[in-house]
Amino acid sequence: MRFGMVIDMKRCFGCRACVAACKTENMVQSGNYWNFVLEYEQGKYPNVRRIFTPMNCMHCENPPCMKACPEKAISKNEYGVVLINYDRCKGRKYCIAACPYGVIHFIDKEKTFYEKEKIPCENLPAEALHALHRKKPGIAEKCTLCWHRVEKALKEGKRPGGDYDTSPACIKVCPGNARYFGDIDDPHSEVSKLIAEKRAIQLNREHGTRPQVYYII
């Protein structure tokens, strides 16, 4: 079992609901984005259209960030999810430089939503948080495919990707149904069928990273 994602760029209209859901679910501090949307225009006036490309960690089969980290703080679990161990990370930023997708971010200092006061979730004690949410200044951070949700689903014997609670937060909030999540090793899964039938592509394949996030263009 290996988890991945398919993003249908034809269905994305840049609303950024995925961005908001990700920041809320993972308590990503102000200024950083585990999930963001690139946009550009294609064509010449009057035949112009706007293209939106949602971006998050590609959870590469051959992750250059993991090889670049001198502290061995980045690992890939048995389900193909690439994760950062915040306790091992020393903030050297080699992973950020190594990532060809620009999806790893650095926490330089604590930033709150409001300048002079914290909102309730920012006041939660560390022991109340999942290990992947116990972030601190001086470390790198990135998308985890909402591993805390997926891990819980697996422990409860549920199929990850089946509903909102077992999927990454960005998946089910998308009003355009542009995002899909599931087991890319299962040829009968929705993501595998989309990859095969829609000829989904991987970004920057020339780097040999073999991303587990695919795009329908």
C-alpha atoms as a PDB file:
ATOM      1  CA  MET A   1       0.000   0.000   0.000  1.00  0.00           C
ATOM      2  CA  ARG A   2       1.421   3.359  -1.078  1.00  0.00           C
ATOM      3  CA  PHE A   3      -0.518   6.596  -0.769  1.00  0.00           C
ATOM      4  CA  GLY A   4      -0.597   9.279  -3.411  1.00  0.00           C
ATOM      5  CA  MET A   5      -2.702  12.054  -4.847  1.00  0.00           C
ATOM      6  CA  VAL A   6      -4.142  13.055  -8.207  1.00  0.00           C
ATOM      7  CA  ILE A   7      -4.908  16.708  -8.955  1.00  0.00           C
ATOM      8  CA  ASP A   8      -7.116  17.566 -11.940  1.00  0.00           C
ATOM      9  CA  MET A   9      -5.958  20.985 -13.110  1.00  0.00           C
ATOM     10  CA  LYS A  10      -8.946  21.242 -15.445  1.00  0.00           C
ATOM     11  CA  ARG A  11     -11.245  21.250 -12.433  1.00  0.00           C
ATOM     12  CA  CYS A  12      -9.253  23.654 -10.245  1.00  0.00           C
ATOM     13  CA  PHE A  13     -10.475  27.257 -10.396  1.00  0.00           C
ATOM     14  CA  GLY A  14      -8.168  28.708  -7.771  1.00  0.00           C
ATOM     15  CA  CYS A  15     -10.566  29.138  -4.852  1.00  0.00           C
ATOM     16  CA  ARG A  16      -7.849  28.035  -2.390  1.00  0.00           C
ATOM     17  CA  ALA A  17     -10.215  26.135  -0.114  1.00  0.00           C
ATOM     18  CA  CYS A  18      -7.453  23.503   0.012  1.00  0.00           C
ATOM     19  CA  VAL A  19      -4.998  26.107   1.275  1.00  0.00           C
ATOM     20  CA  ALA A  20      -7.322  27.240   4.080  1.00  0.00           C
ATOM     21  CA  ALA A  21      -8.199  23.664   5.075  1.00  0.00           C
ATOM     22  CA  CYS A  22      -4.534  22.681   5.233  1.00  0.00           C
ATOM     23  CA  LYS A  23      -3.501  25.655   7.364  1.00  0.00           C
ATOM     24  CA  THR A  24      -6.378  25.069   9.774  1.00  0.00           C
ATOM     25  CA  GLU A  25      -5.978  21.295  10.056  1.00  0.00           C
ATOM     26  CA  ASN A  26      -2.207  21.404  10.530  1.00  0.00           C
ATOM     27  CA  MET A  27      -1.941  24.692  12.411  1.00  0.00           C
ATOM     28  CA  VAL A  28       0.497  26.073   9.860  1.00  0.00           C
ATOM     29  CA  GLN A  29       1.669  29.425  11.158  1.00  0.00           C
ATOM     30  CA  SER A  30       1.200  32.750   9.428  1.00  0.00           C
ATOM     31  CA  GLY A  31       3.438  33.199   6.392  1.00  0.00           C
ATOM     32  CA  ASN A  32       4.028  29.503   5.664  1.00  0.00           C
ATOM     33  CA  TYR A  33       1.941  27.268   3.410  1.00  0.00           C
ATOM     34  CA  TRP A  34       2.090  23.491   3.203  1.00  0.00           C
ATOM     35  CA  ASN A  35      -0.423  23.779   0.394  1.00  0.00           C
ATOM     36  CA  PHE A  36      -0.496  26.650  -2.101  1.00  0.00           C
ATOM     37  CA  VAL A  37      -1.702  27.431  -5.625  1.00  0.00           C
ATOM     38  CA  LEU A  38       0.422  28.725  -8.476  1.00  0.00           C
ATOM     39  CA  GLU A  39      -1.379  30.617 -11.210  1.00  0.00           C
ATOM     40  CA  TYR A  40      -0.490  31.941 -14.617  1.00  0.00           C
ATOM     41  CA  GLU A  41      -2.131  32.967 -17.874  1.00  0.00           C
ATOM     42  CA  GLN A  42      -1.965  31.045 -21.126  1.00  0.00           C
ATOM     43  CA  GLY A  43      -2.653  32.380 -24.606  1.00  0.00           C
ATOM     44  CA  LYS A  44      -2.998  35.839 -26.104  1.00  0.00           C
ATOM     45  CA  TYR A  45      -5.841  38.315 -25.817  1.00  0.00           C
ATOM     46  CA  PRO A  46      -8.696  37.762 -26.382  1.00  0.00           C
ATOM     47  CA  ASN A  47      -8.101  33.994 -26.185  1.00  0.00           C
ATOM     48  CA  VAL A  48      -6.610  33.839 -22.713  1.00  0.00           C
ATOM     49  CA  ARG A  49      -7.238  31.422 -19.883  1.00  0.00           C
ATOM     50  CA  ARG A  50      -5.927  31.272 -16.348  1.00  0.00           C
ATOM     51  CA  ILE A  51      -4.178  28.102 -15.188  1.00  0.00           C
ATOM     52  CA  PHE A  52      -4.122  27.054 -11.530  1.00  0.00           C
ATOM     53  CA  THR A  53      -1.619  24.522 -10.204  1.00  0.00           C
ATOM     54  CA  PRO A  54      -2.112  23.365  -6.592  1.00  0.00           C
ATOM     55  CA  MET A  55       1.201  22.475  -4.946  1.00  0.00           C
ATOM     56  CA  ASN A  56       2.143  20.481  -1.865  1.00  0.00           C
ATOM     57  CA  CYS A  57       4.843  17.968  -0.962  1.00  0.00           C
ATOM     58  CA  MET A  58       5.094  15.374  -3.740  1.00  0.00           C
ATOM     59  CA  HIS A  59       6.042  12.569  -1.312  1.00  0.00           C
ATOM     60  CA  CYS A  60       8.602  11.394  -3.818  1.00  0.00           C
ATOM     61  CA  GLU A  61       9.551   7.766  -4.162  1.00  0.00           C
ATOM     62  CA  ASN A  62      13.128   9.024  -4.380  1.00  0.00           C
ATOM     63  CA  PRO A  63      13.049  12.139  -2.141  1.00  0.00           C
ATOM     64  CA  PRO A  64      16.090  14.422  -2.582  1.00  0.00           C
ATOM     65  CA  CYS A  65      15.258  16.209   0.687  1.00  0.00           C
ATOM     66  CA  MET A  66      15.805  12.998   2.637  1.00  0.00           C
ATOM     67  CA  LYS A  67      19.211  12.435   1.064  1.00  0.00           C
ATOM     68  CA  ALA A  68      20.241  16.061   1.643  1.00  0.00           C
ATOM     69  CA  CYS A  69      19.462  16.163   5.373  1.00  0.00           C
ATOM     70  CA  PRO A  70      22.700  15.669   7.373  1.00  0.00           C
ATOM     71  CA  GLU A  71      20.720  15.017  10.566  1.00  0.00           C
ATOM     72  CA  LYS A  72      18.662  12.152   9.060  1.00  0.00           C
ATOM     73  CA  ALA A  73      15.573  14.049  10.189  1.00  0.00           C
ATOM     74  CA  ILE A  74      13.553  13.142   7.090  1.00  0.00           C
ATOM     75  CA  SER A  75      12.254   9.650   6.524  1.00  0.00           C
ATOM     76  CA  LYS A  76       9.816   7.789   4.316  1.00  0.00           C
ATOM     77  CA  ASN A  77       7.388   5.430   6.025  1.00  0.00           C
ATOM     78  CA  GLU A  78       6.122   2.087   4.756  1.00  0.00           C
ATOM     79  CA  TYR A  79       3.181   3.798   3.057  1.00  0.00           C
ATOM     80  CA  GLY A  80       5.348   6.140   1.020  1.00  0.00           C
ATOM     81  CA  VAL A  81       4.696   9.238   3.134  1.00  0.00           C
ATOM     82  CA  VAL A  82       7.730  11.491   3.612  1.00  0.00           C
ATOM     83  CA  LEU A  83       7.883  13.002   7.108  1.00  0.00           C
ATOM     84  CA  ILE A  84      10.143  15.345   9.077  1.00  0.00           C
ATOM     85  CA  ASN A  85      11.193  14.504  12.627  1.00  0.00           C
ATOM     86  CA  TYR A  86      11.111  17.902  14.333  1.00  0.00           C
ATOM     87  CA  ASP A  87      13.257  16.698  17.232  1.00  0.00           C
ATOM     88  CA  ARG A  88      16.094  15.713  14.889  1.00  0.00           C
ATOM     89  CA  CYS A  89      15.825  18.746  12.588  1.00  0.00           C
ATOM     90  CA  LYS A  90      18.519  21.367  13.253  1.00  0.00           C
ATOM     91  CA  GLY A  91      17.275  23.904  10.708  1.00  0.00           C
ATOM     92  CA  ARG A  92      20.202  23.618   8.309  1.00  0.00           C
ATOM     93  CA  LYS A  93      17.859  24.104   5.301  1.00  0.00           C
ATOM     94  CA  TYR A  94      19.620  21.589   3.043  1.00  0.00           C
ATOM     95  CA  CYS A  95      16.253  19.953   2.421  1.00  0.00           C
ATOM     96  CA  ILE A  96      14.772  23.256   1.250  1.00  0.00           C
ATOM     97  CA  ALA A  97      17.600  23.739  -1.231  1.00  0.00           C
ATOM     98  CA  ALA A  98      17.336  20.141  -2.463  1.00  0.00           C
ATOM     99  CA  CYS A  99      13.581  20.146  -3.132  1.00  0.00           C
ATOM    100  CA  PRO A 100      12.907  20.881  -6.831  1.00  0.00           C
ATOM    101  CA  TYR A 101       9.273  21.755  -6.069  1.00  0.00           C
ATOM    102  CA  GLY A 102       9.750  24.522  -3.503  1.00  0.00           C
ATOM    103  CA  VAL A 103       7.346  22.927  -1.038  1.00  0.00           C
ATOM    104  CA  ILE A 104       9.479  22.764   2.128  1.00  0.00           C
ATOM    105  CA  HIS A 105       9.330  25.778   4.418  1.00  0.00           C
ATOM    106  CA  PHE A 106      11.332  27.086   7.346  1.00  0.00           C
ATOM    107  CA  ILE A 107       9.948  28.346  10.651  1.00  0.00           C
ATOM    108  CA  ASP A 108      12.261  31.242  11.458  1.00  0.00           C
ATOM    109  CA  LYS A 109      10.309  32.476  14.469  1.00  0.00           C
ATOM    110  CA  GLU A 110       6.991  32.012  16.176  1.00  0.00           C
ATOM    111  CA  LYS A 111       4.238  33.888  14.380  1.00  0.00           C
ATOM    112  CA  THR A 112       0.670  34.078  15.584  1.00  0.00           C
ATOM    113  CA  PHE A 113      -2.445  34.809  13.559  1.00  0.00           C
ATOM    114  CA  TYR A 114      -2.903  38.071  15.442  1.00  0.00           C
ATOM    115  CA  GLU A 115       0.153  40.136  16.300  1.00  0.00           C
ATOM    116  CA  LYS A 116      -0.546  40.694  19.996  1.00  0.00           C
ATOM    117  CA  GLU A 117      -2.555  37.672  21.071  1.00  0.00           C
ATOM    118  CA  LYS A 118      -2.923  33.972  20.382  1.00  0.00           C
ATOM    119  CA  ILE A 119      -6.053  32.264  19.144  1.00  0.00           C
ATOM    120  CA  PRO A 120      -7.216  29.145  21.087  1.00  0.00           C
ATOM    121  CA  CYS A 121      -5.446  26.552  18.924  1.00  0.00           C
ATOM    122  CA  GLU A 122      -2.155  28.446  19.306  1.00  0.00           C
ATOM    123  CA  ASN A 123      -2.411  28.058  23.083  1.00  0.00           C
ATOM    124  CA  LEU A 124      -2.790  24.287  23.086  1.00  0.00           C
ATOM    125  CA  PRO A 125      -0.087  22.494  25.125  1.00  0.00           C
ATOM    126  CA  ALA A 126       2.339  20.296  23.172  1.00  0.00           C
ATOM    127  CA  GLU A 127       1.031  17.111  24.812  1.00  0.00           C
ATOM    128  CA  ALA A 128      -2.407  17.817  23.329  1.00  0.00           C
ATOM    129  CA  LEU A 129      -1.014  17.844  19.796  1.00  0.00           C
ATOM    130  CA  HIS A 130      -0.042  15.086  17.376  1.00  0.00           C
ATOM    131  CA  ALA A 131       3.738  14.798  17.032  1.00  0.00           C
ATOM    132  CA  LEU A 132       3.514  16.240  13.497  1.00  0.00           C
ATOM    133  CA  HIS A 133       1.953  19.411  14.907  1.00  0.00           C
ATOM    134  CA  ARG A 134       4.504  20.043  17.677  1.00  0.00           C
ATOM    135  CA  LYS A 135       6.437  22.551  15.606  1.00  0.00           C
ATOM    136  CA  LYS A 136       8.877  25.148  16.851  1.00  0.00           C
ATOM    137  CA  PRO A 137      11.076  27.925  15.440  1.00  0.00           C
ATOM    138  CA  GLY A 138      14.269  26.830  13.727  1.00  0.00           C
ATOM    139  CA  ILE A 139      12.942  23.768  11.890  1.00  0.00           C
ATOM    140  CA  ALA A 140      11.684  22.833   8.419  1.00  0.00           C
ATOM    141  CA  GLU A 141       8.054  21.884   7.797  1.00  0.00           C
ATOM    142  CA  LYS A 142       5.917  20.603   4.932  1.00  0.00           C
ATOM    143  CA  CYS A 143       2.798  18.683   3.920  1.00  0.00           C
ATOM    144  CA  THR A 144       2.416  15.297   5.627  1.00  0.00           C
ATOM    145  CA  LEU A 145      -0.573  14.115   3.553  1.00  0.00           C
ATOM    146  CA  CYS A 146      -2.371  14.676   6.876  1.00  0.00           C
ATOM    147  CA  TRP A 147      -0.661  11.546   8.174  1.00  0.00           C
ATOM    148  CA  HIS A 148      -2.350  11.977  11.560  1.00  0.00           C
ATOM    149  CA  ARG A 149      -5.713  11.370   9.822  1.00  0.00           C
ATOM    150  CA  VAL A 150      -4.498   8.539   7.599  1.00  0.00           C
ATOM    151  CA  GLU A 151      -2.683   6.810  10.460  1.00  0.00           C
ATOM    152  CA  LYS A 152      -5.834   6.945  12.612  1.00  0.00           C
ATOM    153  CA  ALA A 153      -7.902   5.477   9.774  1.00  0.00           C
ATOM    154  CA  LEU A 154      -5.468   2.591   9.340  1.00  0.00           C
ATOM    155  CA  LYS A 155      -5.505   1.819  13.063  1.00  0.00           C
ATOM    156  CA  GLU A 156      -9.308   1.771  13.020  1.00  0.00           C
ATOM    157  CA  GLY A 157      -9.390  -0.567  10.037  1.00  0.00           C
ATOM    158  CA  LYS A 158     -10.851   2.063   7.709  1.00  0.00           C
ATOM    159  CA  ARG A 159      -9.910   2.726   4.100  1.00  0.00           C
ATOM    160  CA  PRO A 160      -7.910   5.975   3.850  1.00  0.00           C
ATOM    161  CA  GLY A 161      -9.449   8.312   1.296  1.00  0.00           C
ATOM    162  CA  GLY A 162     -12.936   6.928   1.723  1.00  0.00           C
ATOM    163  CA  ASP A 163     -14.438   9.942   3.478  1.00  0.00           C
ATOM    164  CA  TYR A 164     -13.524  13.316   4.995  1.00  0.00           C
ATOM    165  CA  ASP A 165     -12.114  11.973   8.259  1.00  0.00           C
ATOM    166  CA  THR A 166      -9.818   9.472   6.523  1.00  0.00           C
ATOM    167  CA  SER A 167      -8.481  11.826   3.826  1.00  0.00           C
ATOM    168  CA  PRO A 168      -6.059  14.757   3.835  1.00  0.00           C
ATOM    169  CA  ALA A 169      -7.985  17.915   4.736  1.00  0.00           C
ATOM    170  CA  CYS A 170      -7.480  19.430   1.278  1.00  0.00           C
ATOM    171  CA  ILE A 171      -9.224  16.580  -0.548  1.00  0.00           C
ATOM    172  CA  LYS A 172     -12.845  16.707   0.534  1.00  0.00           C
ATOM    173  CA  VAL A 173     -13.145  20.497   0.882  1.00  0.00           C
ATOM    174  CA  CYS A 174     -12.434  21.072  -2.825  1.00  0.00           C
ATOM    175  CA  PRO A 175     -15.683  22.370  -4.392  1.00  0.00           C
ATOM    176  CA  GLY A 176     -14.420  21.510  -7.871  1.00  0.00           C
ATOM    177  CA  ASN A 177     -13.604  17.885  -6.949  1.00  0.00           C
ATOM    178  CA  ALA A 178     -10.119  18.459  -8.338  1.00  0.00           C
ATOM    179  CA  ARG A 179      -8.271  16.382  -5.739  1.00  0.00           C
ATOM    180  CA  TYR A 180      -8.187  12.616  -5.195  1.00  0.00           C
ATOM    181  CA  PHE A 181      -6.335  10.528  -2.618  1.00  0.00           C
ATOM    182  CA  GLY A 182      -5.762   6.819  -2.238  1.00  0.00           C
ATOM    183  CA  ASP A 183      -3.570   3.778  -2.732  1.00  0.00           C
ATOM    184  CA  ILE A 184      -1.594   4.153  -5.951  1.00  0.00           C
ATOM    185  CA  ASP A 185      -0.359   0.560  -5.632  1.00  0.00           C
ATOM    186  CA  ASP A 186      -3.927  -0.729  -5.961  1.00  0.00           C
ATOM    187  CA  PRO A 187      -4.818  -0.854  -9.683  1.00  0.00           C
ATOM    188  CA  HIS A 188      -8.522  -0.756  -8.779  1.00  0.00           C
ATOM    189  CA  SER A 189      -8.320   2.408  -6.650  1.00  0.00           C
ATOM    190  CA  GLU A 190      -9.765   5.662  -7.952  1.00  0.00           C
ATOM    191  CA  VAL A 191      -6.358   7.336  -8.054  1.00  0.00           C
ATOM    192  CA  SER A 192      -4.771   4.492 -10.011  1.00  0.00           C
ATOM    193  CA  LYS A 193      -7.600   4.492 -12.539  1.00  0.00           C
ATOM    194  CA  LEU A 194      -7.306   8.263 -12.999  1.00  0.00           C
ATOM    195  CA  ILE A 195      -3.540   8.021 -13.487  1.00  0.00           C
ATOM    196  CA  ALA A 196      -4.000   5.356 -16.162  1.00  0.00           C
ATOM    197  CA  GLU A 197      -7.114   6.619 -17.911  1.00  0.00           C
ATOM    198  CA  LYS A 198      -6.352  10.346 -17.848  1.00  0.00           C
ATOM    199  CA  ARG A 199      -2.630   9.912 -18.514  1.00  0.00           C
ATOM    200  CA  ALA A 200      -1.768  11.910 -15.417  1.00  0.00           C
ATOM    201  CA  ILE A 201       1.763  13.266 -15.274  1.00  0.00           C
ATOM    202  CA  GLN A 202       4.394  13.816 -12.588  1.00  0.00           C
ATOM    203  CA  LEU A 203       6.062  17.217 -12.282  1.00  0.00           C
ATOM    204  CA  ASN A 204       9.800  17.605 -12.939  1.00  0.00           C
ATOM    205  CA  ARG A 205      10.340  13.951 -13.788  1.00  0.00           C
ATOM    206  CA  GLU A 206      13.784  14.810 -15.105  1.00  0.00           C
ATOM    207  CA  HIS A 207      15.023  15.050 -11.508  1.00  0.00           C
ATOM    208  CA  GLY A 208      14.370  11.354 -10.967  1.00  0.00           C
ATOM    209  CA  THR A 209      12.278  12.037  -7.863  1.00  0.00           C
ATOM    210  CA  ARG A 210       9.301   9.868  -8.941  1.00  0.00           C
ATOM    211  CA  PRO A 211       6.576  11.943  -7.201  1.00  0.00           C
ATOM    212  CA  GLN A 212       3.503  10.257  -5.771  1.00  0.00           C
ATOM    213  CA  VAL A 213       1.386  13.290  -6.644  1.00  0.00           C
ATOM    214  CA  TYR A 214       0.070  13.240 -10.220  1.00  0.00           C
ATOM    215  CA  TYR A 215      -1.532  15.942 -12.343  1.00  0.00           C
ATOM    216  CA  ILE A 216      -4.221  15.738 -15.003  1.00  0.00           C
ATOM    217  CA  ILE A 217      -3.554  18.568 -17.445  1.00  0.00           C
END
